[in-house]
Protein backbone atom coordinates (compact mmCIF):
# COMPACT_ATOMS: atom_id res chain seq x y z
CA UNK A 1 131.09 100.59 26.20
CA UNK A 2 129.29 100.54 29.01
CA UNK A 3 130.21 98.82 31.86
CA UNK A 4 128.07 97.31 34.34
CA UNK A 5 129.19 96.26 37.88
CA UNK A 6 127.62 93.70 39.93
CA UNK A 7 128.62 90.83 42.56
CA UNK A 8 127.79 87.66 40.61
CA UNK A 9 126.78 87.07 37.01
CA UNK A 10 124.33 84.25 36.09
CA UNK A 11 124.59 83.15 32.53
CA UNK A 12 121.34 81.52 31.39
CA UNK A 13 117.75 81.39 32.57
CA UNK A 14 116.50 78.16 32.57
CA UNK A 15 115.64 76.03 35.44
CA UNK A 16 119.19 75.76 37.31
CA UNK A 17 119.84 79.77 36.38
CA UNK A 18 116.07 80.75 37.56
CA UNK A 19 116.76 78.89 40.43
CA UNK A 20 120.50 80.83 41.15
CA UNK A 21 119.01 84.00 40.17
CA UNK A 22 116.32 83.55 42.84
CA UNK A 23 118.07 82.14 45.16
CA UNK A 24 120.72 84.99 45.25
CA UNK A 25 117.78 87.27 45.13
CA UNK A 26 116.26 86.06 48.26
CA UNK A 27 119.50 86.88 50.22
CA UNK A 28 119.90 90.31 48.70
CA UNK A 29 122.96 89.18 46.59
CA UNK A 30 123.82 91.56 43.65
CA UNK A 31 122.83 89.66 40.60
CA UNK A 32 122.28 90.02 37.15
CA UNK A 33 121.24 87.17 34.90
CA UNK A 34 121.37 87.46 31.16
CA UNK A 35 120.05 85.02 28.56
CA UNK A 36 119.94 84.87 24.89
CA UNK A 37 116.50 83.94 24.81
CA UNK A 38 113.35 86.36 24.51
CA UNK A 39 111.39 84.43 27.44
CA UNK A 40 111.14 81.26 29.03
CA UNK A 41 111.31 77.41 27.45
CA UNK A 42 108.94 77.81 24.94
CA UNK A 43 108.53 74.10 24.64
CA UNK A 44 108.00 71.05 26.99
CA UNK A 45 111.56 69.48 27.13
CA UNK A 46 112.36 67.89 31.29
CA UNK A 47 109.27 67.35 32.85
CA UNK A 48 109.63 64.89 35.87
CA UNK A 49 109.95 66.88 39.44
CA UNK A 50 111.57 64.85 41.82
CA UNK A 51 111.17 65.15 45.65
CA UNK A 52 114.66 66.87 46.50
CA UNK A 53 113.93 69.61 43.68
CA UNK A 54 110.36 70.31 45.49
CA UNK A 55 112.17 70.34 48.77
CA UNK A 56 114.34 73.11 47.19
CA UNK A 57 111.11 75.02 45.70
CA UNK A 58 109.37 74.64 48.79
CA UNK A 59 112.27 76.40 50.25
CA UNK A 60 111.73 79.31 48.40
CA UNK A 61 108.37 79.16 49.12
CA UNK A 62 106.72 78.05 45.59
CA UNK A 63 106.12 74.83 46.41
CA UNK A 64 102.08 75.57 46.38
CA UNK A 65 102.50 77.30 42.77
CA UNK A 66 104.54 74.58 41.38
CA UNK A 67 102.39 72.10 42.31
CA UNK A 68 99.19 74.24 40.80
CA UNK A 69 100.62 73.84 37.34
CA UNK A 70 102.01 69.98 37.68
CA UNK A 71 100.28 66.62 36.61
CA UNK A 72 99.46 65.21 40.54
CA UNK A 73 101.89 61.92 41.57
CA UNK A 74 98.69 60.09 41.43
CA UNK A 75 98.34 60.69 37.62
CA UNK A 76 102.07 59.93 36.73
CA UNK A 77 102.11 56.42 37.98
CA UNK A 78 101.46 54.02 35.18
CA UNK A 79 104.42 53.39 32.90
CA UNK A 80 102.98 51.31 30.19
CA UNK A 81 104.44 49.12 27.20
CA UNK A 82 101.85 48.24 24.41
CA UNK A 83 101.71 47.43 20.65
CA UNK A 84 99.58 51.21 20.32
CA UNK A 85 97.32 53.50 22.78
CA UNK A 86 94.40 50.97 20.96
CA UNK A 87 96.24 48.00 20.86
CA UNK A 88 97.50 45.06 22.82
CA UNK A 89 99.48 46.26 26.20
CA UNK A 90 102.17 43.95 26.73
CA UNK A 91 103.51 45.25 30.35
CA UNK A 92 102.93 48.03 33.04
CA UNK A 93 104.98 49.02 36.00
CA UNK A 94 104.06 51.87 38.76
CA UNK A 95 106.95 54.76 38.57
CA UNK A 96 107.90 57.24 40.75
CA UNK A 97 106.70 55.92 44.27
CA UNK A 98 103.23 55.85 42.96
CA UNK A 99 103.03 52.06 44.03
CA UNK A 100 101.82 50.54 46.75
CA UNK A 101 105.07 48.87 47.06
CA UNK A 102 106.97 52.12 46.98
CA UNK A 103 104.74 54.48 48.17
CA UNK A 104 104.98 54.62 52.14
CA UNK A 105 109.17 54.62 51.16
CA UNK A 106 108.32 57.96 49.36
CA UNK A 107 105.56 59.07 51.77
CA UNK A 108 108.18 59.16 54.70
CA UNK A 109 111.13 60.21 52.90
CA UNK A 110 109.99 63.89 52.30
CA UNK A 111 106.79 66.32 52.77
CA UNK A 112 106.96 66.67 49.48
CA UNK A 113 105.51 65.05 46.32
CA UNK A 114 107.17 64.29 42.54
CA UNK A 115 105.43 65.91 39.66
CA UNK A 116 105.09 65.99 36.27
CA UNK A 117 105.59 69.34 35.09
CA UNK A 118 106.80 70.12 31.53
CA UNK A 119 109.71 72.56 31.75
CA UNK A 120 107.57 75.30 29.81
CA UNK A 121 104.67 75.33 32.37
CA UNK A 122 107.37 75.26 35.54
CA UNK A 123 109.97 78.21 34.06
CA UNK A 124 107.10 80.60 34.12
CA UNK A 125 106.76 79.89 37.94
CA UNK A 126 110.11 80.08 38.37
CA UNK A 127 110.45 83.13 36.81
CA UNK A 128 108.19 85.07 38.55
CA UNK A 129 109.15 83.83 42.01
CA UNK A 130 112.42 85.09 41.20
CA UNK A 131 111.20 88.79 39.62
CA UNK A 132 108.97 88.43 43.25
CA UNK A 133 112.19 88.12 45.46
CA UNK A 134 114.03 90.92 43.21
CA UNK A 135 115.99 89.39 40.74
CA UNK A 136 117.69 91.24 37.96
CA UNK A 137 116.71 89.26 35.08
CA UNK A 138 117.56 90.39 31.29
CA UNK A 139 116.34 88.38 28.30
CA UNK A 140 117.99 88.79 24.71
CA UNK A 141 121.54 89.54 26.00
CA UNK A 142 123.90 86.96 25.03
CA UNK A 143 127.23 86.68 26.22
CA UNK A 144 129.71 86.93 23.15
CA UNK A 145 132.82 86.85 25.09
CA UNK A 146 134.34 86.06 29.14
CA UNK A 147 137.48 86.04 30.53
CA UNK A 148 138.25 86.21 34.04
CA UNK A 149 141.47 87.42 36.25
CA UNK A 150 141.92 87.03 39.94
CA UNK A 151 139.74 90.04 40.74
CA UNK A 152 137.01 89.39 38.62
CA UNK A 153 134.86 87.94 35.93
CA UNK A 154 134.28 90.58 32.51
CA UNK A 155 131.61 89.40 29.95
CA UNK A 156 130.83 91.08 26.68
CA UNK A 157 127.36 91.24 26.17
CA UNK A 158 125.50 92.16 22.98
CA UNK A 159 121.64 92.73 22.96
CA UNK A 160 120.47 90.53 20.24
CA UNK A 161 117.39 92.99 19.19
CA UNK A 162 119.34 96.33 18.75
CA UNK A 163 123.17 94.96 18.26
CA UNK A 164 124.23 97.15 21.44
CA UNK A 165 126.94 95.80 23.41
CA UNK A 166 128.15 96.44 26.87
CA UNK A 167 130.12 94.78 29.33
CA UNK A 168 129.15 93.00 32.58
CA UNK A 169 132.27 93.27 35.36
CA UNK A 170 131.34 90.59 38.24
CA UNK A 171 132.93 88.88 41.13
CA UNK A 172 131.37 85.45 40.09
CA UNK A 173 130.48 84.26 37.19
CA UNK A 174 127.67 81.13 37.22
CA UNK A 175 127.66 79.32 34.11
CA UNK A 176 123.68 78.09 33.58
CA UNK A 177 124.02 78.27 29.98
CA UNK A 178 123.26 74.61 29.48
CA UNK A 179 124.59 72.21 26.76
CA UNK A 180 126.92 74.50 24.35
CA UNK A 181 127.71 76.43 27.35
CA UNK A 182 130.09 79.26 26.41
CA UNK A 183 131.02 80.07 29.89
CA UNK A 184 132.46 76.40 30.15
CA UNK A 185 134.18 76.63 26.42
CA UNK A 186 135.49 79.87 26.79
CA UNK A 187 137.06 79.92 30.50
CA UNK A 188 138.74 76.31 29.79
CA UNK A 189 136.12 73.52 31.50
CA UNK A 190 137.52 70.37 30.46
CA UNK A 191 134.62 67.45 29.70
CA UNK A 192 134.97 63.81 30.38
CA UNK A 193 132.75 61.43 27.79
CA UNK A 194 131.26 60.95 24.99
CA UNK A 195 128.77 63.15 22.44
CA UNK A 196 126.26 62.21 20.11
CA UNK A 197 125.71 58.77 20.96
CA UNK A 198 122.43 58.70 19.51
CA UNK A 199 119.80 60.21 17.57
CA UNK A 200 116.23 61.49 18.80
CA UNK A 201 113.19 63.28 17.45
CA UNK A 202 110.40 65.19 19.91
CA UNK A 203 107.35 66.03 18.47
CA UNK A 204 105.13 67.89 20.46
CA UNK A 205 101.43 67.61 19.55
CA UNK A 206 97.72 67.15 20.55
CA UNK A 207 95.76 64.18 20.31
CA UNK A 208 93.10 63.47 22.76
CA UNK A 209 94.05 60.20 24.10
CA UNK A 210 91.38 60.20 27.13
CA UNK A 211 89.83 57.00 26.32
CA UNK A 212 93.27 54.91 25.92
CA UNK A 213 94.72 56.68 28.95
CA UNK A 214 92.15 57.85 31.91
CA UNK A 215 91.95 54.37 33.10
CA UNK A 216 95.77 54.06 33.40
CA UNK A 217 97.07 57.45 34.15
CA UNK A 218 101.14 57.66 33.48
CA UNK A 219 103.77 59.88 32.37
CA UNK A 220 104.97 57.75 29.86
CA UNK A 221 103.64 54.72 27.36
CA UNK A 222 106.13 52.93 25.43
CA UNK A 223 104.77 52.02 21.76
CA UNK A 224 106.86 49.14 20.66
CA UNK A 225 105.07 47.72 17.17
CA UNK A 226 106.56 44.51 15.75
CA UNK A 227 108.26 45.27 12.80
CA UNK A 228 109.38 48.56 13.50
CA UNK A 229 112.95 49.80 12.87
CA UNK A 230 113.44 51.87 15.34
CA UNK A 231 115.77 51.94 18.18
CA UNK A 232 113.91 51.51 21.48
CA UNK A 233 110.37 51.31 20.40
CA UNK A 234 107.93 53.15 17.60
CA UNK A 235 107.80 55.64 19.67
CA UNK A 236 107.32 57.27 23.53
CA UNK A 237 104.60 59.66 24.62
CA UNK A 238 105.10 61.70 27.50
CA UNK A 239 102.19 63.03 28.92
CA UNK A 240 102.07 67.26 28.73
CA UNK A 241 98.81 67.99 30.00
CA UNK A 242 96.08 64.92 31.11
CA UNK A 243 95.57 63.43 28.40
CA UNK A 244 95.24 65.80 25.45
CA UNK A 245 98.91 67.02 24.84
CA UNK A 246 102.24 65.01 24.69
CA UNK A 247 105.25 64.78 23.10
CA UNK A 248 105.82 61.91 21.06
CA UNK A 249 109.64 60.60 21.25
CA UNK A 250 111.39 58.18 18.90
CA UNK A 251 115.18 57.57 18.66
CA UNK A 252 117.26 56.59 15.11
CA UNK A 253 120.29 56.06 13.94
CA UNK A 254 121.71 58.60 11.75
CA UNK A 255 123.74 56.15 9.57
CA UNK A 256 120.35 54.88 8.60
CA UNK A 257 119.76 58.66 7.41
CA UNK A 258 117.34 61.36 8.68
CA UNK A 259 113.94 60.62 9.72
CA UNK A 260 111.66 62.71 7.44
CA UNK A 261 110.19 65.09 9.68
CA UNK A 262 107.19 66.43 7.03
CA UNK A 263 103.96 67.20 9.11
CA UNK A 264 102.80 64.28 6.78
CA UNK A 265 105.32 61.68 8.19
CA UNK A 266 104.93 62.84 11.61
CA UNK A 267 101.05 62.34 11.53
CA UNK A 268 101.67 59.17 10.60
CA UNK A 269 104.04 57.99 12.65
CA UNK A 270 101.50 59.38 15.83
CA UNK A 271 98.28 57.56 13.82
CA UNK A 272 100.20 54.49 13.77
CA UNK A 273 101.55 54.45 17.38
CA UNK A 274 97.91 55.24 18.35
CA UNK A 275 96.70 52.74 16.53
CA UNK A 276 93.13 54.79 16.38
CA UNK A 277 93.00 57.02 12.82
CA UNK A 278 90.27 58.67 14.21
CA UNK A 279 91.89 60.65 16.66
CA UNK A 280 92.75 64.44 15.35
CA UNK A 281 96.04 65.34 15.73
CA UNK A 282 97.94 68.60 15.54
CA UNK A 283 101.80 69.17 15.26
CA UNK A 284 102.48 71.60 17.69
CA UNK A 285 106.52 71.75 17.52
CA UNK A 286 108.97 69.55 16.45
CA UNK A 287 112.94 69.37 17.84
CA UNK A 288 115.95 67.00 17.44
CA UNK A 289 118.27 66.46 19.83
CA UNK A 290 121.15 63.93 20.77
CA UNK A 291 122.62 61.49 23.34
CA UNK A 292 125.47 62.41 24.95
CA UNK A 293 127.13 61.62 28.38
CA UNK A 294 129.52 63.91 29.51
CA UNK A 295 130.43 65.70 33.12
CA UNK A 296 132.75 68.27 33.77
CA UNK A 297 136.14 67.46 35.08
CA UNK A 298 135.77 70.59 37.15
CA UNK A 299 132.59 72.23 38.04
CA UNK A 300 134.60 75.48 39.56
CA UNK A 301 137.67 77.18 37.98
CA UNK A 302 138.66 80.55 39.86
CA UNK A 303 135.36 82.88 39.77
CA UNK A 304 133.36 80.66 37.58
CA UNK A 305 131.15 77.62 38.24
CA UNK A 306 129.28 75.55 36.20
CA UNK A 307 125.53 74.30 37.32
CA UNK A 308 123.41 72.23 35.22
CA UNK A 309 123.62 71.24 31.75
CA UNK A 310 126.57 73.08 31.60
CA UNK A 311 128.04 70.88 33.89
CA UNK A 312 126.68 67.60 32.86
CA UNK A 313 124.44 66.45 29.97
CA UNK A 314 122.75 62.77 29.83
CA UNK A 315 119.99 61.00 28.33
CA UNK A 316 116.75 62.15 29.85
CA UNK A 317 116.33 58.53 31.43
CA UNK A 318 115.41 58.81 35.29
CA UNK A 319 114.29 62.23 34.77
CA UNK A 320 117.66 64.05 36.59
CA UNK A 321 118.64 66.41 34.01
CA UNK A 322 116.35 69.38 35.36
CA UNK A 323 116.11 67.93 38.91
CA UNK A 324 120.36 67.73 39.30
CA UNK A 325 120.61 71.05 37.86
CA UNK A 326 118.64 73.04 40.30
CA UNK A 327 120.07 71.47 43.40
CA UNK A 328 123.50 72.55 41.75
CA UNK A 329 122.15 76.21 42.35
CA UNK A 330 120.93 75.24 45.63
CA UNK A 331 124.35 73.83 46.65
CA UNK A 332 126.46 77.30 45.49
CA UNK A 333 124.25 79.78 46.24
CA UNK A 334 124.22 79.86 49.81
CA UNK A 335 128.24 79.52 49.64
CA UNK A 336 128.14 82.71 47.42
CA UNK A 337 126.12 84.46 49.51
CA UNK A 338 127.87 83.81 52.92
CA UNK A 339 131.44 84.47 51.04
CA UNK A 340 130.15 87.57 49.36
CA UNK A 341 128.79 88.88 52.58
CA UNK A 342 132.54 88.31 54.27
CA UNK A 343 130.80 85.60 56.27
CA UNK A 344 132.88 82.92 54.45
CA UNK A 345 136.38 82.86 53.08
CA UNK A 346 136.45 82.25 49.28
CA UNK A 347 137.86 78.83 50.04
CA UNK A 348 134.00 77.40 50.69
CA UNK A 349 133.77 78.09 47.53
CA UNK A 350 135.74 74.69 46.38
CA UNK A 351 133.47 72.58 48.10
CA UNK A 352 130.70 73.05 45.56
CA UNK A 353 132.65 70.97 42.85
CA UNK A 354 134.08 68.40 45.76
CA UNK A 355 130.48 67.78 46.56
CA UNK A 356 128.72 68.44 42.89
CA UNK A 357 131.21 66.82 40.44
CA UNK A 358 130.68 63.25 42.07
CA UNK A 359 126.72 64.14 41.87
CA UNK A 360 127.04 64.75 38.32
CA UNK A 361 128.90 61.93 37.70
CA UNK A 362 126.85 59.71 39.06
CA UNK A 363 123.87 61.09 37.43
CA UNK A 364 125.24 60.39 33.68
CA UNK A 365 126.16 57.35 34.65
CA UNK A 366 122.85 56.22 36.12
CA UNK A 367 121.27 57.81 33.00
CA UNK A 368 123.14 56.15 30.70
CA UNK A 369 123.12 52.94 32.43
CA UNK A 370 119.17 53.04 32.61
CA UNK A 371 119.08 53.66 28.62
CA UNK A 372 121.10 50.45 27.99
CA UNK A 373 118.57 49.03 30.73
CA UNK A 374 115.66 49.08 28.15
CA UNK A 375 117.42 46.78 25.80
CA UNK A 376 116.01 43.72 27.92
CA UNK A 377 112.66 44.76 27.21
CA UNK A 378 113.09 44.29 23.43
CA UNK A 379 114.54 41.07 23.48
CA UNK A 380 112.11 39.85 25.83
CA UNK A 381 109.65 40.81 23.32
CA UNK A 382 111.55 39.07 20.55
CA UNK A 383 112.05 42.00 18.04
CA UNK A 384 115.13 42.02 16.18
CA UNK A 385 116.36 45.40 14.06
CA UNK A 386 115.24 43.81 10.17
CA UNK A 387 112.29 41.32 11.08
CA UNK A 388 109.46 41.24 9.56
CA UNK A 389 105.98 42.37 10.92
CA UNK A 390 104.45 39.11 10.78
CA UNK A 391 107.67 37.45 12.66
CA UNK A 392 107.40 40.27 15.25
CA UNK A 393 103.44 39.45 15.70
CA UNK A 394 104.31 35.67 15.84
CA UNK A 395 106.96 36.81 18.83
CA UNK A 396 104.65 38.26 20.75
CA UNK A 397 101.54 35.43 20.04
CA UNK A 398 104.33 33.16 21.64
CA UNK A 399 104.92 35.37 24.06
CA UNK A 400 101.46 35.35 25.75
CA UNK A 401 100.33 32.31 24.18
CA UNK A 402 98.94 29.32 27.38
CA UNK A 403 102.56 27.25 26.67
CA UNK A 404 105.26 26.49 28.85
CA UNK A 405 107.32 28.47 26.22
CA UNK A 406 105.54 31.30 26.83
CA UNK A 407 105.23 31.26 30.85
CA UNK A 408 108.92 31.11 30.46
CA UNK A 409 109.40 34.45 28.50
CA UNK A 410 106.91 36.20 30.06
CA UNK A 411 109.14 35.33 33.05
CA UNK A 412 112.34 37.24 31.46
CA UNK A 413 109.70 39.89 30.34
CA UNK A 414 108.87 40.59 34.07
CA UNK A 415 112.41 40.64 34.69
CA UNK A 416 113.19 43.26 32.08
CA UNK A 417 110.25 45.60 32.83
CA UNK A 418 110.96 45.32 37.06
CA UNK A 419 114.56 46.05 35.86
CA UNK A 420 113.04 49.52 34.87
CA UNK A 421 112.89 50.52 38.84
CA UNK A 422 116.48 51.55 37.94
CA UNK A 423 114.70 54.10 36.06
CA UNK A 424 111.24 54.66 37.04
CA UNK A 425 111.94 54.01 41.09
CA UNK A 426 115.35 55.13 41.60
CA UNK A 427 114.46 56.75 45.04
CA UNK A 428 118.33 56.62 46.41
CA UNK A 429 119.93 58.09 43.33
CA UNK A 430 116.93 60.81 43.66
CA UNK A 431 117.47 61.74 47.12
CA UNK A 432 120.79 60.17 48.87
CA UNK A 433 123.53 63.05 47.46
CA UNK A 434 125.89 62.96 50.56
CA UNK A 435 128.93 64.83 50.26
CA UNK A 436 132.76 65.06 51.49
CA UNK A 437 134.37 68.31 51.66
CA UNK A 438 135.41 71.08 53.71
CA UNK A 439 132.14 72.17 54.12
CA UNK A 440 131.22 68.78 55.99
CA UNK A 441 132.86 67.66 58.92
CA UNK A 442 133.24 63.81 59.29
CA UNK A 443 132.34 62.88 62.97
CA UNK A 444 134.89 59.87 62.49
CA UNK A 445 131.87 57.48 62.42
CA UNK A 446 131.19 55.13 59.61
CA UNK A 447 128.13 55.78 57.72
CA UNK A 448 125.40 53.67 57.94
CA UNK A 449 125.58 50.78 56.06
CA UNK A 450 122.52 50.42 53.40
CA UNK A 451 119.95 47.70 54.58
CA UNK A 452 118.66 47.93 50.86
CA UNK A 453 119.66 48.76 47.40
CA UNK A 454 121.06 52.39 47.61
CA UNK A 455 120.18 53.21 44.44
CA UNK A 456 115.91 52.17 44.65
CA UNK A 457 116.31 53.15 48.42
CA UNK A 458 116.86 56.04 50.63
CA UNK A 459 118.35 55.71 53.67
CA UNK A 460 117.99 58.52 56.04
CA UNK A 461 120.71 59.22 57.97
CA UNK A 462 122.42 61.95 60.10
CA UNK A 463 125.99 61.51 59.43
CA UNK A 464 127.32 64.85 58.47
CA UNK A 465 127.08 65.37 54.53
CA UNK A 466 123.89 63.74 54.56
CA UNK A 467 120.72 65.30 53.75
CA UNK A 468 118.74 66.02 56.77
CA UNK A 469 116.02 63.32 56.93
CA UNK A 470 112.11 64.24 56.96
CA UNK A 471 110.38 63.29 59.63
CA UNK A 472 107.14 64.98 60.39
CA UNK A 473 106.96 67.21 63.66
CA UNK A 474 103.97 69.49 65.16
CA UNK A 475 104.90 73.41 65.49
CA UNK A 476 101.85 75.71 66.69
CA UNK A 477 99.38 72.54 66.34
CA UNK A 478 100.52 72.25 62.74
CA UNK A 479 102.14 69.43 60.65
CA UNK A 480 105.82 70.48 60.12
CA UNK A 481 108.82 68.78 58.57
CA UNK A 482 112.46 68.99 60.35
CA UNK A 483 113.25 70.51 56.81
CA UNK A 484 110.86 73.22 57.34
CA UNK A 485 112.66 74.17 60.08
CA UNK A 486 115.97 74.54 58.02
CA UNK A 487 117.39 76.55 55.21
CA UNK A 488 115.95 79.50 53.31
CA UNK A 489 119.77 80.62 53.62
CA UNK A 490 120.40 80.51 57.10
CA UNK A 491 122.30 77.42 59.55
CA UNK A 492 120.17 75.74 61.71
CA UNK A 493 120.79 73.92 64.84
CA UNK A 494 118.57 71.20 65.86
CA UNK A 495 118.87 70.53 69.37
CA UNK A 496 117.46 67.38 71.89
CA UNK A 497 115.24 67.78 74.61
CA UNK A 498 118.49 68.11 77.17
CA UNK A 499 120.16 70.58 74.70
CA UNK A 500 119.49 74.09 75.98
CA UNK A 501 123.15 74.92 76.57
CA UNK A 502 123.51 74.33 72.57
CA UNK A 503 120.31 76.49 71.99
CA UNK A 504 122.28 79.38 74.00
CA UNK A 505 125.81 78.42 72.26
CA UNK A 506 124.30 78.82 69.11
CA UNK A 507 123.25 82.28 70.03
CA UNK A 508 126.45 83.66 71.18
CA UNK A 509 128.57 82.19 67.91
CA UNK A 510 125.78 83.83 65.81
CA UNK A 511 126.04 87.15 67.60
CA UNK A 512 130.08 86.17 67.54
CA UNK A 513 129.88 85.06 64.11
CA UNK A 514 128.00 87.29 62.45
CA UNK A 515 126.00 84.97 60.45
CA UNK A 516 122.30 83.71 59.91
CA UNK A 517 122.12 80.79 62.52
CA UNK A 518 118.38 79.50 63.85
CA UNK A 519 119.03 76.98 67.36
CA UNK A 520 115.80 75.06 67.61
CA UNK A 521 115.12 71.94 70.62
CA UNK A 522 113.04 68.88 68.95
CA UNK A 523 111.64 66.84 70.88
CA UNK A 524 108.54 65.52 72.77
CA UNK A 525 106.50 68.58 73.70
CA UNK A 526 109.05 70.75 73.01
CA UNK A 527 108.44 73.69 70.53
CA UNK A 528 109.17 71.52 67.58
CA UNK A 529 107.35 68.60 68.86
CA UNK A 530 108.33 65.19 67.51
CA UNK A 531 104.33 63.83 68.44
CA UNK A 532 104.70 60.55 66.36
CA UNK A 533 108.58 59.55 67.86
CA UNK A 534 109.89 59.31 64.24
CA UNK A 535 112.52 62.37 65.04
CA UNK A 536 113.73 60.22 67.80
CA UNK A 537 114.08 57.08 65.98
CA UNK A 538 116.46 58.78 62.72
CA UNK A 539 118.37 61.73 64.50
CA UNK A 540 120.90 59.49 65.34
CA UNK A 541 122.06 61.25 68.62
CA UNK A 542 120.83 61.35 72.13
CA UNK A 543 118.52 64.05 73.57
CA UNK A 544 121.86 66.08 74.90
CA UNK A 545 123.02 65.85 71.16
CA UNK A 546 122.95 68.41 68.43
CA UNK A 547 122.65 68.71 64.87
CA UNK A 548 124.08 71.71 62.92
CA UNK A 549 122.42 71.51 59.32
CA UNK A 550 123.33 73.81 56.33
CA UNK A 551 120.95 76.12 54.50
CA UNK A 552 120.84 73.85 51.94
CA UNK A 553 119.60 70.90 54.34
CA UNK A 554 122.81 69.32 54.38
CA UNK A 555 124.31 67.75 57.98
CA UNK A 556 127.33 70.03 58.56
CA UNK A 557 128.43 68.79 61.83
CA UNK A 558 126.99 66.83 64.78
CA UNK A 559 127.70 66.31 68.19
CA UNK A 560 126.00 62.95 69.25
CA UNK A 561 125.80 64.47 73.15
CA UNK A 562 126.77 67.16 75.39
CA UNK A 563 129.83 69.27 75.62
CA UNK A 564 131.85 70.80 78.36
CA UNK A 565 131.97 73.84 75.56
CA UNK A 566 129.48 73.57 73.50
CA UNK A 567 129.52 77.58 72.12
CA UNK A 568 133.66 76.77 71.59
CA UNK A 569 132.70 73.48 69.58
CA UNK A 570 130.11 74.75 67.93
CA UNK A 571 132.84 78.14 66.42
CA UNK A 572 135.19 75.66 65.96
CA UNK A 573 132.86 74.03 63.60
CA UNK A 574 131.17 76.90 61.90
CA UNK A 575 134.86 78.24 61.27
CA UNK A 576 136.19 75.33 59.43
CA UNK A 577 132.74 74.85 57.47
CA UNK A 578 133.02 78.11 56.48
CA UNK A 579 136.40 78.42 55.85
CA UNK A 580 136.96 81.62 58.49
CA UNK A 581 140.61 80.63 59.74
CA UNK A 582 141.62 83.66 57.93
CA UNK A 583 138.95 86.05 58.22
CA UNK A 584 139.34 87.79 61.62
CA UNK A 585 136.13 88.11 63.95
CA UNK A 586 135.85 92.04 63.04
CA UNK A 587 136.11 91.79 59.52
CA UNK A 588 132.65 89.51 58.84
CA UNK A 589 130.31 91.07 57.77
CA UNK A 590 127.04 91.66 60.09
CA UNK A 591 123.99 89.84 59.28
CA UNK A 592 120.64 91.40 60.88
CA UNK A 593 119.32 88.06 60.95
CA UNK A 594 122.19 86.33 62.73
CA UNK A 595 120.34 86.67 66.41
CA UNK A 596 118.85 83.35 66.84
């Protein structure tokens, strides 16, 4: 049997696997990505892409390509509840930071905007970028068995078209193989939570609904018809292509029997929720899925790591699935690259679990709670299981009647709709992932107390472990973000106007440790000019201080002021972060990019 050797085996070529492939390829790491499928996603699936993921795409140099195929933020904001597209509208909420109350929050937080990008549209862009960067991606290759020992990982792989088998021996494996992860199963990863908490059907279809949506453009249209026996309404319409292509999502209780999935039945359901039989409908595909609330108890075991749905499985609420998956890879890729180049000790890889497992736990819990938070809307509408259509319509008539009872019920409905901000404007959950691990050096200060709800609102801080805050700067007379100064596989030191000693220290330490480390001074009239003074408000250090930013944009260490020995301080910090204590300087790999 043929044996192929590589440094990293990536199993799965969905959003997280493709992100990992692209990130490692950019770092020049020898990696092979295999997937049992013949190509990228063939149906819409996940679609919300949040600011943090856009920042990852920006770091990879593909933000413009993604934005080009996305539905722009200004066309994805209206979240509409109605009895049908043609029927009475019940409620509306502006979402994804598009409303005037939230737009400034989102604009100030990131140089990137959210987009609506169906997975079958996004993955080809990811694939092309990974290939452009030199990634080795092999479709139609199924891992049928995998094992690991102290030296590496061995996978038995079968070419699905020919049946021919071969082995891949790698130093590390990344399981990006989804909710039925073979990597997780065969390498002993344990899951915490419950599977099969609900059932749903996705119907991908074409229907021109321009006349019902162009005046209220959005991503999600929730249809709730009186007398309906479905759990969360008659069906949720998810925009795939404005305004002619959709996914109609319906949830059901399997205990009541499986739904009729014949074409005639699906078209009838679609026409019912449109409320206009004149609209032509063409079914493209149908799929069933179940609601899970599961997270891996460990994200890493030995030489194996889980990313994406292999590590966390949850409802699509909050749109966090694909985003969290890609961000998993952003956290892990630079660590693998540094370890494989000999620039970091293997212990650095332990920080992946320490940092991302709590994020996975938060995400699955938040998504599940958001599903449960939909119930108050049904309750406010007065819809109950087994209710007749006549009684349901009578309840709606009372809700919108010019009576004291109607007014009281409308207040209850308004509160139920506002609760959905925790699903659709949950900026803190989307952006504020804060890490605590050996790859972060806490400076002993307390995290700043949130001034607003920490789930709903982003709170920028440079406390070690936080994502570097975004501030608009000017470089060569061009607007740039602080995030544009960092990342791209490199550590970066950002110093204030009196931080020249830090810059010189960074140059020395980069050469001593053989690592890629940039250094910049940021301030008024500096090369990276804080022309608006925004950075001075956010940085939480003095002009004599410095921030050390990891390749994934998170603050690794900071000094609020000057030091008598900046090179020694920085050297000590980086050795701790990179788990370098056991790596003599002469063993460290030299990186030609290390010159600051």
